[in-house]
Amino acid sequence: MPTMSGRTPLGIGATVQNAFAGSQYEFAPYDCTLEVGVLADKTQVSMALYSGPDVLAEPGSIVPSAAAEAAPKYPDEYHWEDEAAGGDRLKLSLTNGNAAATVVNWVVRITPA
């Protein structure tokens, strides 16, 4: 089962259009189940999550976590699941509305259908 993960730093007021951009799995390699975990270390960090035409999370705040320095723990901190078709683009957009720099940790588990 492929997994992609990352730590995306965000400066004050910064936006990242797609944290998954450039990853080998930015486009689903085949029909699959996606499980996604996202943690932020500060408040006022917002995200939107898409899987092809599916909106998994509208733009909104990420609940901050004291454990945000680590990767999300499976299964408790994986809040989104979706069935994706091969070729669907996966997108995680992030915005830092905080008055300090922040880091967002994310993990996507990809299980063949």
PDB file of N, CA and C in Angstrom:
ATOM      1  N   MET A   1       0.843  -1.163   0.000  1.00  0.00           N
ATOM      2  CA  MET A   1       0.000   0.000   0.000  1.00  0.00           C
ATOM      3  C   MET A   1       0.895   1.233   0.000  1.00  0.00           C
ATOM      4  N   PRO A   2       0.765   2.088  -1.031  1.00  0.00           N
ATOM      5  CA  PRO A   2       1.566   3.315  -1.056  1.00  0.00           C
ATOM      6  C   PRO A   2       1.099   4.314  -0.004  1.00  0.00           C
ATOM      7  N   THR A   3       2.031   5.112   0.449  1.00  0.00           N
ATOM      8  CA  THR A   3       1.747   6.189   1.384  1.00  0.00           C
ATOM      9  C   THR A   3       2.531   7.407   0.943  1.00  0.00           C
ATOM     10  N   MET A   4       1.897   8.571   1.002  1.00  0.00           N
ATOM     11  CA  MET A   4       2.666   9.801   0.826  1.00  0.00           C
ATOM     12  C   MET A   4       2.477  10.628   2.078  1.00  0.00           C
ATOM     13  N   SER A   5       3.531  11.296   2.488  1.00  0.00           N
ATOM     14  CA  SER A   5       3.473  12.091   3.704  1.00  0.00           C
ATOM     15  C   SER A   5       4.373  13.300   3.548  1.00  0.00           C
ATOM     16  N   GLY A   6       4.121  14.300   4.370  1.00  0.00           N
ATOM     17  CA  GLY A   6       4.949  15.487   4.296  1.00  0.00           C
ATOM     18  C   GLY A   6       4.721  16.422   5.457  1.00  0.00           C
ATOM     19  N   ARG A   7       5.639  17.368   5.565  1.00  0.00           N
ATOM     20  CA  ARG A   7       5.557  18.477   6.514  1.00  0.00           C
ATOM     21  C   ARG A   7       5.588  19.736   5.664  1.00  0.00           C
ATOM     22  N   THR A   8       4.526  20.502   5.711  1.00  0.00           N
ATOM     23  CA  THR A   8       4.442  21.710   4.896  1.00  0.00           C
ATOM     24  C   THR A   8       4.556  22.933   5.805  1.00  0.00           C
ATOM     25  N   PRO A   9       5.687  23.665   5.716  1.00  0.00           N
ATOM     26  CA  PRO A   9       5.824  24.881   6.518  1.00  0.00           C
ATOM     27  C   PRO A   9       5.040  26.024   5.861  1.00  0.00           C
ATOM     28  N   LEU A  10       4.406  26.853   6.692  1.00  0.00           N
ATOM     29  CA  LEU A  10       3.648  27.994   6.195  1.00  0.00           C
ATOM     30  C   LEU A  10       4.074  29.240   6.961  1.00  0.00           C
ATOM     31  N   GLY A  11       4.549  30.237   6.233  1.00  0.00           N
ATOM     32  CA  GLY A  11       4.877  31.518   6.851  1.00  0.00           C
ATOM     33  C   GLY A  11       3.599  32.265   7.211  1.00  0.00           C
ATOM     34  N   ILE A  12       3.744  33.416   7.827  1.00  0.00           N
ATOM     35  CA  ILE A  12       2.597  34.235   8.226  1.00  0.00           C
ATOM     36  C   ILE A  12       1.797  34.614   6.987  1.00  0.00           C
ATOM     37  N   GLY A  13       0.520  34.265   6.972  1.00  0.00           N
ATOM     38  CA  GLY A  13      -0.364  34.602   5.859  1.00  0.00           C
ATOM     39  C   GLY A  13      -0.122  33.817   4.583  1.00  0.00           C
ATOM     40  N   ALA A  14       0.733  32.818   4.627  1.00  0.00           N
ATOM     41  CA  ALA A  14       1.086  32.058   3.418  1.00  0.00           C
ATOM     42  C   ALA A  14      -0.014  31.087   3.015  1.00  0.00           C
ATOM     43  N   THR A  15      -0.054  30.781   1.709  1.00  0.00           N
ATOM     44  CA  THR A  15      -0.981  29.805   1.159  1.00  0.00           C
ATOM     45  C   THR A  15      -0.210  28.840   0.273  1.00  0.00           C
ATOM     46  N   VAL A  16      -0.534  27.560   0.373  1.00  0.00           N
ATOM     47  CA  VAL A  16      -0.011  26.530  -0.521  1.00  0.00           C
ATOM     48  C   VAL A  16      -1.213  25.984  -1.272  1.00  0.00           C
ATOM     49  N   GLN A  17      -1.196  26.080  -2.601  1.00  0.00           N
ATOM     50  CA  GLN A  17      -2.346  25.654  -3.394  1.00  0.00           C
ATOM     51  C   GLN A  17      -2.543  24.141  -3.362  1.00  0.00           C
ATOM     52  N   ASN A  18      -1.439  23.374  -3.391  1.00  0.00           N
ATOM     53  CA  ASN A  18      -1.556  21.914  -3.328  1.00  0.00           C
ATOM     54  C   ASN A  18      -0.304  21.324  -2.691  1.00  0.00           C
ATOM     55  N   ALA A  19      -0.440  20.897  -1.437  1.00  0.00           N
ATOM     56  CA  ALA A  19       0.698  20.306  -0.728  1.00  0.00           C
ATOM     57  C   ALA A  19       1.144  19.001  -1.376  1.00  0.00           C
ATOM     58  N   PHE A  20       0.262  18.361  -2.169  1.00  0.00           N
ATOM     59  CA  PHE A  20       0.599  17.094  -2.818  1.00  0.00           C
ATOM     60  C   PHE A  20       1.282  17.293  -4.178  1.00  0.00           C
ATOM     61  N   ALA A  21       1.355  18.518  -4.670  1.00  0.00           N
ATOM     62  CA  ALA A  21       1.893  18.797  -6.008  1.00  0.00           C
ATOM     63  C   ALA A  21       3.306  18.232  -6.152  1.00  0.00           C
ATOM     64  N   GLY A  22       3.530  17.544  -7.245  1.00  0.00           N
ATOM     65  CA  GLY A  22       4.838  16.987  -7.538  1.00  0.00           C
ATOM     66  C   GLY A  22       5.068  15.599  -6.977  1.00  0.00           C
ATOM     67  N   SER A  23       4.173  15.124  -6.122  1.00  0.00           N
ATOM     68  CA  SER A  23       4.318  13.778  -5.582  1.00  0.00           C
ATOM     69  C   SER A  23       3.982  12.752  -6.657  1.00  0.00           C
ATOM     70  N   GLN A  24       4.587  11.607  -6.568  1.00  0.00           N
ATOM     71  CA  GLN A  24       4.277  10.515  -7.481  1.00  0.00           C
ATOM     72  C   GLN A  24       2.800  10.152  -7.413  1.00  0.00           C
ATOM     73  N   TYR A  25       2.177  10.388  -6.254  1.00  0.00           N
ATOM     74  CA  TYR A  25       0.777  10.016  -6.056  1.00  0.00           C
ATOM     75  C   TYR A  25      -0.159  11.222  -6.042  1.00  0.00           C
ATOM     76  N   GLU A  26       0.273  12.354  -6.629  1.00  0.00           N
ATOM     77  CA  GLU A  26      -0.634  13.495  -6.764  1.00  0.00           C
ATOM     78  C   GLU A  26      -1.870  13.084  -7.557  1.00  0.00           C
ATOM     79  N   PHE A  27      -1.685  12.172  -8.498  1.00  0.00           N
ATOM     80  CA  PHE A  27      -2.792  11.586  -9.249  1.00  0.00           C
ATOM     81  C   PHE A  27      -2.921  10.127  -8.810  1.00  0.00           C
ATOM     82  N   ALA A  28      -4.142   9.730  -8.425  1.00  0.00           N
ATOM     83  CA  ALA A  28      -4.349   8.359  -7.954  1.00  0.00           C
ATOM     84  C   ALA A  28      -3.848   7.384  -9.019  1.00  0.00           C
ATOM     85  N   PRO A  29      -2.986   6.431  -8.653  1.00  0.00           N
ATOM     86  CA  PRO A  29      -2.392   5.521  -9.635  1.00  0.00           C
ATOM     87  C   PRO A  29      -3.377   4.476 -10.166  1.00  0.00           C
ATOM     88  N   TYR A  30      -4.469   4.245  -9.445  1.00  0.00           N
ATOM     89  CA  TYR A  30      -5.470   3.235  -9.811  1.00  0.00           C
ATOM     90  C   TYR A  30      -6.691   3.482  -8.927  1.00  0.00           C
ATOM     91  N   ASP A  31      -7.784   2.780  -9.171  1.00  0.00           N
ATOM     92  CA  ASP A  31      -8.945   2.888  -8.289  1.00  0.00           C
ATOM     93  C   ASP A  31      -8.504   2.482  -6.888  1.00  0.00           C
ATOM     94  N   CYS A  32      -8.837   3.310  -5.894  1.00  0.00           N
ATOM     95  CA  CYS A  32      -8.292   3.066  -4.559  1.00  0.00           C
ATOM     96  C   CYS A  32      -9.147   3.723  -3.476  1.00  0.00           C
ATOM     97  N   THR A  33      -8.849   3.333  -2.245  1.00  0.00           N
ATOM     98  CA  THR A  33      -9.401   3.992  -1.068  1.00  0.00           C
ATOM     99  C   THR A  33      -8.308   4.881  -0.496  1.00  0.00           C
ATOM    100  N   LEU A  34      -8.656   6.141  -0.244  1.00  0.00           N
ATOM    101  CA  LEU A  34      -7.721   7.094   0.345  1.00  0.00           C
ATOM    102  C   LEU A  34      -8.110   7.334   1.793  1.00  0.00           C
ATOM    103  N   GLU A  35      -7.135   7.373   2.661  1.00  0.00           N
ATOM    104  CA  GLU A  35      -7.341   7.759   4.050  1.00  0.00           C
ATOM    105  C   GLU A  35      -6.348   8.870   4.347  1.00  0.00           C
ATOM    106  N   VAL A  36      -6.856  10.004   4.858  1.00  0.00           N
ATOM    107  CA  VAL A  36      -6.030  11.203   4.994  1.00  0.00           C
ATOM    108  C   VAL A  36      -6.054  11.708   6.430  1.00  0.00           C
ATOM    109  N   GLY A  37      -4.865  12.008   6.947  1.00  0.00           N
ATOM    110  CA  GLY A  37      -4.715  12.630   8.258  1.00  0.00           C
ATOM    111  C   GLY A  37      -3.950  13.931   8.108  1.00  0.00           C
ATOM    112  N   VAL A  38      -4.421  14.991   8.788  1.00  0.00           N
ATOM    113  CA  VAL A  38      -3.774  16.308   8.716  1.00  0.00           C
ATOM    114  C   VAL A  38      -3.734  16.888  10.126  1.00  0.00           C
ATOM    115  N   LEU A  39      -2.559  17.376  10.553  1.00  0.00           N
ATOM    116  CA  LEU A  39      -2.395  18.017  11.852  1.00  0.00           C
ATOM    117  C   LEU A  39      -1.663  19.350  11.688  1.00  0.00           C
ATOM    118  N   ALA A  40      -2.109  20.359  12.422  1.00  0.00           N
ATOM    119  CA  ALA A  40      -1.423  21.649  12.456  1.00  0.00           C
ATOM    120  C   ALA A  40      -0.963  21.909  13.886  1.00  0.00           C
ATOM    121  N   ASP A  41       0.123  22.669  14.026  1.00  0.00           N
ATOM    122  CA  ASP A  41       0.634  22.929  15.370  1.00  0.00           C
ATOM    123  C   ASP A  41       0.120  24.243  15.965  1.00  0.00           C
ATOM    124  N   LYS A  42      -0.682  25.000  15.201  1.00  0.00           N
ATOM    125  CA  LYS A  42      -1.230  26.261  15.696  1.00  0.00           C
ATOM    126  C   LYS A  42      -2.678  26.417  15.249  1.00  0.00           C
ATOM    127  N   THR A  43      -3.382  27.363  15.866  1.00  0.00           N
ATOM    128  CA  THR A  43      -4.750  27.667  15.465  1.00  0.00           C
ATOM    129  C   THR A  43      -4.747  28.528  14.208  1.00  0.00           C
ATOM    130  N   GLN A  44      -5.903  28.735  13.634  1.00  0.00           N
ATOM    131  CA  GLN A  44      -6.127  29.609  12.483  1.00  0.00           C
ATOM    132  C   GLN A  44      -5.394  29.146  11.231  1.00  0.00           C
ATOM    133  N   VAL A  45      -5.162  27.859  11.126  1.00  0.00           N
ATOM    134  CA  VAL A  45      -4.638  27.271   9.900  1.00  0.00           C
ATOM    135  C   VAL A  45      -5.823  26.591   9.225  1.00  0.00           C
ATOM    136  N   SER A  46      -6.081  26.939   7.959  1.00  0.00           N
ATOM    137  CA  SER A  46      -7.220  26.335   7.281  1.00  0.00           C
ATOM    138  C   SER A  46      -6.757  25.464   6.130  1.00  0.00           C
ATOM    139  N   MET A  47      -7.652  24.547   5.745  1.00  0.00           N
ATOM    140  CA  MET A  47      -7.344  23.607   4.675  1.00  0.00           C
ATOM    141  C   MET A  47      -8.601  23.320   3.872  1.00  0.00           C
ATOM    142  N   ALA A  48      -8.402  22.826   2.670  1.00  0.00           N
ATOM    143  CA  ALA A  48      -9.472  22.253   1.853  1.00  0.00           C
ATOM    144  C   ALA A  48      -8.883  20.995   1.236  1.00  0.00           C
ATOM    145  N   LEU A  49      -9.686  19.939   1.125  1.00  0.00           N
ATOM    146  CA  LEU A  49      -9.199  18.646   0.653  1.00  0.00           C
ATOM    147  C   LEU A  49     -10.102  18.138  -0.462  1.00  0.00           C
ATOM    148  N   TYR A  50      -9.482  17.742  -1.574  1.00  0.00           N
ATOM    149  CA  TYR A  50     -10.214  17.274  -2.750  1.00  0.00           C
ATOM    150  C   TYR A  50      -9.620  15.969  -3.251  1.00  0.00           C
ATOM    151  N   SER A  51     -10.499  15.125  -3.793  1.00  0.00           N
ATOM    152  CA  SER A  51     -10.097  13.882  -4.443  1.00  0.00           C
ATOM    153  C   SER A  51     -10.854  13.845  -5.768  1.00  0.00           C
ATOM    154  N   GLY A  52     -10.177  14.233  -6.848  1.00  0.00           N
ATOM    155  CA  GLY A  52     -10.866  14.343  -8.131  1.00  0.00           C
ATOM    156  C   GLY A  52     -12.027  15.301  -7.987  1.00  0.00           C
ATOM    157  N   PRO A  53     -13.254  14.906  -8.382  1.00  0.00           N
ATOM    158  CA  PRO A  53     -14.404  15.798  -8.278  1.00  0.00           C
ATOM    159  C   PRO A  53     -15.008  15.867  -6.870  1.00  0.00           C
ATOM    160  N   ASP A  54     -14.517  15.050  -5.951  1.00  0.00           N
ATOM    161  CA  ASP A  54     -15.085  14.992  -4.597  1.00  0.00           C
ATOM    162  C   ASP A  54     -14.450  16.048  -3.688  1.00  0.00           C
ATOM    163  N   VAL A  55     -15.293  16.786  -2.984  1.00  0.00           N
ATOM    164  CA  VAL A  55     -14.831  17.730  -1.972  1.00  0.00           C
ATOM    165  C   VAL A  55     -14.911  17.004  -0.635  1.00  0.00           C
ATOM    166  N   LEU A  56     -13.757  16.655  -0.081  1.00  0.00           N
ATOM    167  CA  LEU A  56     -13.730  15.930   1.191  1.00  0.00           C
ATOM    168  C   LEU A  56     -13.801  16.887   2.373  1.00  0.00           C
ATOM    169  N   ALA A  57     -13.256  18.086   2.209  1.00  0.00           N
ATOM    170  CA  ALA A  57     -13.319  19.098   3.260  1.00  0.00           C
ATOM    171  C   ALA A  57     -13.351  20.469   2.605  1.00  0.00           C
ATOM    172  N   GLU A  58     -14.432  21.212   2.868  1.00  0.00           N
ATOM    173  CA  GLU A  58     -14.501  22.591   2.405  1.00  0.00           C
ATOM    174  C   GLU A  58     -13.458  23.404   3.154  1.00  0.00           C
ATOM    175  N   PRO A  59     -13.076  24.569   2.621  1.00  0.00           N
ATOM    176  CA  PRO A  59     -12.107  25.386   3.351  1.00  0.00           C
ATOM    177  C   PRO A  59     -12.579  25.653   4.778  1.00  0.00           C
ATOM    178  N   GLY A  60     -11.735  25.335   5.732  1.00  0.00           N
ATOM    179  CA  GLY A  60     -12.057  25.520   7.140  1.00  0.00           C
ATOM    180  C   GLY A  60     -10.858  25.218   8.006  1.00  0.00           C
ATOM    181  N   SER A  61     -10.986  25.522   9.269  1.00  0.00           N
ATOM    182  CA  SER A  61      -9.870  25.397  10.205  1.00  0.00           C
ATOM    183  C   SER A  61      -9.507  23.948  10.485  1.00  0.00           C
ATOM    184  N   ILE A  62      -8.213  23.733  10.631  1.00  0.00           N
ATOM    185  CA  ILE A  62      -7.691  22.456  11.112  1.00  0.00           C
ATOM    186  C   ILE A  62      -7.672  22.557  12.628  1.00  0.00           C
ATOM    187  N   VAL A  63      -8.181  21.551  13.317  1.00  0.00           N
ATOM    188  CA  VAL A  63      -8.120  21.563  14.771  1.00  0.00           C
ATOM    189  C   VAL A  63      -6.649  21.399  15.169  1.00  0.00           C
ATOM    190  N   PRO A  64      -6.100  22.351  15.927  1.00  0.00           N
ATOM    191  CA  PRO A  64      -4.683  22.242  16.288  1.00  0.00           C
ATOM    192  C   PRO A  64      -4.453  21.078  17.246  1.00  0.00           C
ATOM    193  N   SER A  65      -3.248  20.530  17.177  1.00  0.00           N
ATOM    194  CA  SER A  65      -2.905  19.380  18.004  1.00  0.00           C
ATOM    195  C   SER A  65      -1.556  19.600  18.660  1.00  0.00           C
ATOM    196  N   ALA A  66      -1.487  19.300  19.940  1.00  0.00           N
ATOM    197  CA  ALA A  66      -0.209  19.390  20.648  1.00  0.00           C
ATOM    198  C   ALA A  66       0.788  18.397  20.064  1.00  0.00           C
ATOM    199  N   ALA A  67       0.264  17.328  19.425  1.00  0.00           N
ATOM    200  CA  ALA A  67       1.127  16.300  18.846  1.00  0.00           C
ATOM    201  C   ALA A  67       1.404  16.571  17.370  1.00  0.00           C
ATOM    202  N   ALA A  68       1.183  17.795  16.916  1.00  0.00           N
ATOM    203  CA  ALA A  68       1.302  18.099  15.494  1.00  0.00           C
ATOM    204  C   ALA A  68       2.735  17.972  14.967  1.00  0.00           C
ATOM    205  N   GLU A  69       3.705  17.901  15.840  1.00  0.00           N
ATOM    206  CA  GLU A  69       5.084  17.718  15.373  1.00  0.00           C
ATOM    207  C   GLU A  69       5.301  16.316  14.826  1.00  0.00           C
ATOM    208  N   ALA A  70       4.401  15.399  15.156  1.00  0.00           N
ATOM    209  CA  ALA A  70       4.488  14.026  14.660  1.00  0.00           C
ATOM    210  C   ALA A  70       3.473  13.820  13.544  1.00  0.00           C
ATOM    211  N   ALA A  71       3.630  12.732  12.819  1.00  0.00           N
ATOM    212  CA  ALA A  71       2.652  12.392  11.781  1.00  0.00           C
ATOM    213  C   ALA A  71       1.342  11.996  12.437  1.00  0.00           C
ATOM    214  N   PRO A  72       0.218  12.200  11.744  1.00  0.00           N
ATOM    215  CA  PRO A  72      -1.070  11.755  12.293  1.00  0.00           C
ATOM    216  C   PRO A  72      -1.033  10.262  12.620  1.00  0.00           C
ATOM    217  N   LYS A  73      -1.652   9.898  13.731  1.00  0.00           N
ATOM    218  CA  LYS A  73      -1.671   8.492  14.165  1.00  0.00           C
ATOM    219  C   LYS A  73      -2.887   7.788  13.573  1.00  0.00           C
ATOM    220  N   TYR A  74      -2.642   6.595  13.024  1.00  0.00           N
ATOM    221  CA  TYR A  74      -3.702   5.811  12.393  1.00  0.00           C
ATOM    222  C   TYR A  74      -4.351   4.915  13.435  1.00  0.00           C
ATOM    223  N   PRO A  75      -5.649   4.805  13.479  1.00  0.00           N
ATOM    224  CA  PRO A  75      -6.663   5.440  12.642  1.00  0.00           C
ATOM    225  C   PRO A  75      -7.268   6.706  13.246  1.00  0.00           C
ATOM    226  N   ASP A  76      -6.930   7.020  14.501  1.00  0.00           N
ATOM    227  CA  ASP A  76      -7.626   8.085  15.221  1.00  0.00           C
ATOM    228  C   ASP A  76      -7.517   9.471  14.587  1.00  0.00           C
ATOM    229  N   GLU A  77      -6.400   9.781  13.976  1.00  0.00           N
ATOM    230  CA  GLU A  77      -6.210  11.130  13.431  1.00  0.00           C
ATOM    231  C   GLU A  77      -6.330  11.174  11.908  1.00  0.00           C
ATOM    232  N   TYR A  78      -6.926  10.157  11.334  1.00  0.00           N
ATOM    233  CA  TYR A  78      -7.237  10.139   9.899  1.00  0.00           C
ATOM    234  C   TYR A  78      -8.733  10.432   9.790  1.00  0.00           C
ATOM    235  N   HIS A  79      -9.070  11.670   9.492  1.00  0.00           N
ATOM    236  CA  HIS A  79     -10.468  12.100   9.545  1.00  0.00           C
ATOM    237  C   HIS A  79     -11.199  12.004   8.212  1.00  0.00           C
ATOM    238  N   TRP A  80     -10.499  11.732   7.120  1.00  0.00           N
ATOM    239  CA  TRP A  80     -11.141  11.696   5.803  1.00  0.00           C
ATOM    240  C   TRP A  80     -10.824  10.399   5.087  1.00  0.00           C
ATOM    241  N   GLU A  81     -11.849   9.855   4.415  1.00  0.00           N
ATOM    242  CA  GLU A  81     -11.709   8.639   3.624  1.00  0.00           C
ATOM    243  C   GLU A  81     -12.527   8.820   2.349  1.00  0.00           C
ATOM    244  N   ASP A  82     -12.000   8.327   1.224  1.00  0.00           N
ATOM    245  CA  ASP A  82     -12.714   8.467  -0.045  1.00  0.00           C
ATOM    246  C   ASP A  82     -12.313   7.347  -0.988  1.00  0.00           C
ATOM    247  N   GLU A  83     -13.256   7.007  -1.873  1.00  0.00           N
ATOM    248  CA  GLU A  83     -12.966   6.080  -2.965  1.00  0.00           C
ATOM    249  C   GLU A  83     -12.585   6.933  -4.172  1.00  0.00           C
ATOM    250  N   ALA A  84     -11.367   6.795  -4.644  1.00  0.00           N
ATOM    251  CA  ALA A  84     -10.877   7.586  -5.774  1.00  0.00           C
ATOM    252  C   ALA A  84     -10.746   6.703  -7.005  1.00  0.00           C
ATOM    253  N   ALA A  85     -10.965   7.289  -8.164  1.00  0.00           N
ATOM    254  CA  ALA A  85     -10.760   6.592  -9.434  1.00  0.00           C
ATOM    255  C   ALA A  85      -9.329   6.829  -9.891  1.00  0.00           C
ATOM    256  N   GLY A  86      -8.780   5.883 -10.608  1.00  0.00           N
ATOM    257  CA  GLY A  86      -7.439   6.050 -11.158  1.00  0.00           C
ATOM    258  C   GLY A  86      -7.370   7.347 -11.963  1.00  0.00           C
ATOM    259  N   GLY A  87      -6.352   8.138 -11.715  1.00  0.00           N
ATOM    260  CA  GLY A  87      -6.171   9.401 -12.424  1.00  0.00           C
ATOM    261  C   GLY A  87      -6.756  10.603 -11.718  1.00  0.00           C
ATOM    262  N   ASP A  88      -7.566  10.405 -10.673  1.00  0.00           N
ATOM    263  CA  ASP A  88      -8.100  11.543  -9.925  1.00  0.00           C
ATOM    264  C   ASP A  88      -6.961  12.332  -9.295  1.00  0.00           C
ATOM    265  N   ARG A  89      -7.047  13.654  -9.385  1.00  0.00           N
ATOM    266  CA  ARG A  89      -6.044  14.513  -8.745  1.00  0.00           C
ATOM    267  C   ARG A  89      -6.386  14.658  -7.267  1.00  0.00           C
ATOM    268  N   LEU A  90      -5.380  14.502  -6.417  1.00  0.00           N
ATOM    269  CA  LEU A  90      -5.523  14.691  -4.978  1.00  0.00           C
ATOM    270  C   LEU A  90      -4.981  16.075  -4.641  1.00  0.00           C
ATOM    271  N   LYS A  91      -5.729  16.836  -3.868  1.00  0.00           N
ATOM    272  CA  LYS A  91      -5.332  18.215  -3.596  1.00  0.00           C
ATOM    273  C   LYS A  91      -5.596  18.569  -2.145  1.00  0.00           C
ATOM    274  N   LEU A  92      -4.582  19.136  -1.497  1.00  0.00           N
ATOM    275  CA  LEU A  92      -4.686  19.655  -0.137  1.00  0.00           C
ATOM    276  C   LEU A  92      -4.189  21.095  -0.178  1.00  0.00           C
ATOM    277  N   SER A  93      -5.112  22.057  -0.080  1.00  0.00           N
ATOM    278  CA  SER A  93      -4.700  23.458  -0.044  1.00  0.00           C
ATOM    279  C   SER A  93      -4.667  23.918   1.414  1.00  0.00           C
ATOM    280  N   LEU A  94      -3.678  24.739   1.737  1.00  0.00           N
ATOM    281  CA  LEU A  94      -3.435  25.171   3.110  1.00  0.00           C
ATOM    282  C   LEU A  94      -3.254  26.685   3.157  1.00  0.00           C
ATOM    283  N   THR A  95      -3.778  27.319   4.220  1.00  0.00           N
ATOM    284  CA  THR A  95      -3.598  28.755   4.430  1.00  0.00           C
ATOM    285  C   THR A  95      -3.316  28.998   5.905  1.00  0.00           C
ATOM    286  N   ASN A  96      -2.305  29.817   6.178  1.00  0.00           N
ATOM    287  CA  ASN A  96      -1.958  30.166   7.550  1.00  0.00           C
ATOM    288  C   ASN A  96      -2.509  31.548   7.865  1.00  0.00           C
ATOM    289  N   GLY A  97      -3.547  31.610   8.708  1.00  0.00           N
ATOM    290  CA  GLY A  97      -4.112  32.881   9.131  1.00  0.00           C
ATOM    291  C   GLY A  97      -3.581  33.312  10.484  1.00  0.00           C
ATOM    292  N   ASN A  98      -2.555  32.625  10.960  1.00  0.00           N
ATOM    293  CA  ASN A  98      -1.982  32.880  12.274  1.00  0.00           C
ATOM    294  C   ASN A  98      -0.951  33.999  12.179  1.00  0.00           C
ATOM    295  N   ALA A  99      -0.622  34.604  13.309  1.00  0.00           N
ATOM    296  CA  ALA A  99       0.388  35.663  13.367  1.00  0.00           C
ATOM    297  C   ALA A  99       1.784  35.089  13.592  1.00  0.00           C
ATOM    298  N   ALA A 100       1.950  33.799  13.332  1.00  0.00           N
ATOM    299  CA  ALA A 100       3.252  33.146  13.462  1.00  0.00           C
ATOM    300  C   ALA A 100       3.353  32.057  12.402  1.00  0.00           C
ATOM    301  N   ALA A 101       4.580  31.694  12.071  1.00  0.00           N
ATOM    302  CA  ALA A 101       4.794  30.594  11.125  1.00  0.00           C
ATOM    303  C   ALA A 101       4.289  29.299  11.750  1.00  0.00           C
ATOM    304  N   THR A 102       3.915  28.355  10.909  1.00  0.00           N
ATOM    305  CA  THR A 102       3.377  27.093  11.397  1.00  0.00           C
ATOM    306  C   THR A 102       3.831  25.954  10.496  1.00  0.00           C
ATOM    307  N   VAL A 103       3.591  24.733  10.936  1.00  0.00           N
ATOM    308  CA  VAL A 103       3.894  23.532  10.151  1.00  0.00           C
ATOM    309  C   VAL A 103       2.657  22.651  10.144  1.00  0.00           C
ATOM    310  N   VAL A 104       2.340  22.102   8.968  1.00  0.00           N
ATOM    311  CA  VAL A 104       1.222  21.164   8.843  1.00  0.00           C
ATOM    312  C   VAL A 104       1.805  19.811   8.442  1.00  0.00           C
ATOM    313  N   ASN A 105       1.500  18.779   9.228  1.00  0.00           N
ATOM    314  CA  ASN A 105       1.916  17.409   8.911  1.00  0.00           C
ATOM    315  C   ASN A 105       0.728  16.678   8.310  1.00  0.00           C
ATOM    316  N   TRP A 106       0.967  15.924   7.253  1.00  0.00           N
ATOM    317  CA  TRP A 106      -0.120  15.199   6.586  1.00  0.00           C
ATOM    318  C   TRP A 106       0.375  13.843   6.089  1.00  0.00           C
ATOM    319  N   VAL A 107      -0.574  12.909   6.006  1.00  0.00           N
ATOM    320  CA  VAL A 107      -0.294  11.571   5.505  1.00  0.00           C
ATOM    321  C   VAL A 107      -1.492  11.114   4.693  1.00  0.00           C
ATOM    322  N   VAL A 108      -1.230  10.465   3.547  1.00  0.00           N
ATOM    323  CA  VAL A 108      -2.288   9.862   2.723  1.00  0.00           C
ATOM    324  C   VAL A 108      -1.945   8.387   2.536  1.00  0.00           C
ATOM    325  N   ARG A 109      -2.841   7.523   2.978  1.00  0.00           N
ATOM    326  CA  ARG A 109      -2.710   6.078   2.759  1.00  0.00           C
ATOM    327  C   ARG A 109      -3.521   5.724   1.538  1.00  0.00           C
ATOM    328  N   ILE A 110      -2.936   4.967   0.610  1.00  0.00           N
ATOM    329  CA  ILE A 110      -3.582   4.601  -0.646  1.00  0.00           C
ATOM    330  C   ILE A 110      -3.680   3.081  -0.700  1.00  0.00           C
ATOM    331  N   THR A 111      -4.931   2.578  -0.693  1.00  0.00           N
ATOM    332  CA  THR A 111      -5.161   1.132  -0.710  1.00  0.00           C
ATOM    333  C   THR A 111      -5.871   0.769  -2.010  1.00  0.00           C
ATOM    334  N   PRO A 112      -5.297  -0.132  -2.825  1.00  0.00           N
ATOM    335  CA  PRO A 112      -5.966  -0.519  -4.068  1.00  0.00           C
ATOM    336  C   PRO A 112      -7.386  -1.027  -3.825  1.00  0.00           C
ATOM    337  N   ALA A 113      -8.293  -0.654  -4.743  1.00  0.00           N
ATOM    338  CA  ALA A 113      -9.694  -1.086  -4.613  1.00  0.00           C
ATOM    339  C   ALA A 113      -9.844  -2.528  -5.048  1.00  0.00           C
TER     340      ALA A 113
END
